[in-house]
Amino acid sequence: MQDVFERDKPMNLKAFGARLQEARMKTGLSTNRVSDIIGISQPTISRYENARIVPTVDRLYALVNLYGCSMDWLCGMEGERK
């Protein structure tokens, strides 16, 4: 059985940041508004979108729910937004 996790292919952080920003912009929310809703600082949101840091699983889950997209799409595992 093939390993489900492809450990030799790390997540593309630049693509992740770009998709995160795309999802936010499609909702029409500012980074300040997202930080208020999620309960984290605005600079942290910017660091996510600029691929400087990666959100924790609970924050990632909150962002996916806020933006109405799939975690697979956001993390680059799907080509089209769902």
Protein backbone atom coordinates (compact mmCIF):
# COMPACT_ATOMS: atom_id res chain seq x y z
CA MET A 1 0.00 0.00 0.00
CA GLN A 2 1.35 3.41 -0.96
CA ASP A 3 2.03 5.84 1.84
CA VAL A 4 -0.74 8.44 1.95
CA PHE A 5 1.70 11.17 2.97
CA GLU A 6 4.25 12.23 0.41
CA ARG A 7 7.00 13.23 2.79
CA ASP A 8 9.41 14.10 -0.01
CA LYS A 9 7.03 16.78 -1.31
CA PRO A 10 6.65 19.53 1.30
CA MET A 11 3.76 21.95 1.11
CA ASN A 12 4.54 24.89 -1.14
CA LEU A 13 4.38 27.76 1.34
CA LYS A 14 4.28 30.49 -1.31
CA ALA A 15 1.31 28.83 -2.99
CA PHE A 16 -0.34 28.41 0.42
CA GLY A 17 0.11 32.11 1.22
CA ALA A 18 -1.20 33.14 -2.18
CA ARG A 19 -4.27 30.94 -1.83
CA LEU A 20 -4.89 32.21 1.67
CA GLN A 21 -4.79 35.79 0.40
CA GLU A 22 -7.00 34.89 -2.58
CA ALA A 23 -9.59 33.33 -0.29
CA ARG A 24 -9.56 36.36 2.00
CA MET A 25 -9.93 38.79 -0.87
CA LYS A 26 -12.83 36.81 -2.36
CA THR A 27 -14.68 37.25 0.92
CA GLY A 28 -13.95 40.99 0.85
CA LEU A 29 -12.36 40.94 4.30
CA SER A 30 -9.35 42.95 5.40
CA THR A 31 -6.55 41.35 7.39
CA ASN A 32 -7.70 43.46 10.33
CA ARG A 33 -11.23 42.08 10.10
CA VAL A 34 -9.98 38.49 9.79
CA SER A 35 -7.79 38.97 12.84
CA ASP A 36 -10.80 40.23 14.80
CA ILE A 37 -12.97 37.29 13.72
CA ILE A 38 -10.35 34.58 14.27
CA GLY A 39 -8.87 36.17 17.38
CA ILE A 40 -5.25 36.51 16.27
CA SER A 41 -3.17 39.55 15.43
CA GLN A 42 -3.20 41.26 12.04
CA PRO A 43 0.58 40.83 11.63
CA THR A 44 0.10 37.08 12.09
CA ILE A 45 -2.44 37.01 9.25
CA SER A 46 0.05 38.91 7.08
CA ARG A 47 2.81 36.45 7.99
CA TYR A 48 0.57 33.56 6.92
CA GLU A 49 -0.17 35.25 3.59
CA ASN A 50 3.50 36.10 3.02
CA ALA A 51 4.54 32.50 3.76
CA ARG A 52 6.67 33.47 6.74
CA ILE A 53 4.87 31.23 9.21
CA VAL A 54 2.36 28.39 9.01
CA PRO A 55 -0.86 28.45 11.05
CA THR A 56 -1.58 25.84 13.67
CA VAL A 57 -4.20 23.25 12.77
CA ASP A 58 -6.89 24.95 14.85
CA ARG A 59 -6.21 28.31 13.19
CA LEU A 60 -6.10 26.70 9.77
CA TYR A 61 -9.48 25.11 10.47
CA ALA A 62 -10.90 28.49 11.54
CA LEU A 63 -9.62 30.13 8.33
CA VAL A 64 -11.07 27.38 6.14
CA ASN A 65 -14.44 27.78 7.81
CA LEU A 66 -14.31 31.57 7.52
CA TYR A 67 -13.35 31.53 3.84
CA GLY A 68 -15.62 28.66 2.83
CA CYS A 69 -12.92 26.71 1.04
CA SER A 70 -11.53 23.23 1.48
CA MET A 71 -8.38 22.59 3.45
CA ASP A 72 -7.11 20.49 0.53
CA TRP A 73 -7.41 23.46 -1.83
CA LEU A 74 -5.86 25.88 0.62
CA CYS A 75 -2.88 23.56 1.20
CA GLY A 76 -2.39 22.98 -2.53
CA MET A 77 -3.69 19.42 -2.72
CA GLU A 78 -6.51 20.39 -5.11
CA GLY A 79 -6.23 22.53 -8.21
CA GLU A 80 -9.63 24.19 -8.07
CA ARG A 81 -11.16 26.03 -5.16
CA LYS A 82 -13.93 24.08 -3.48
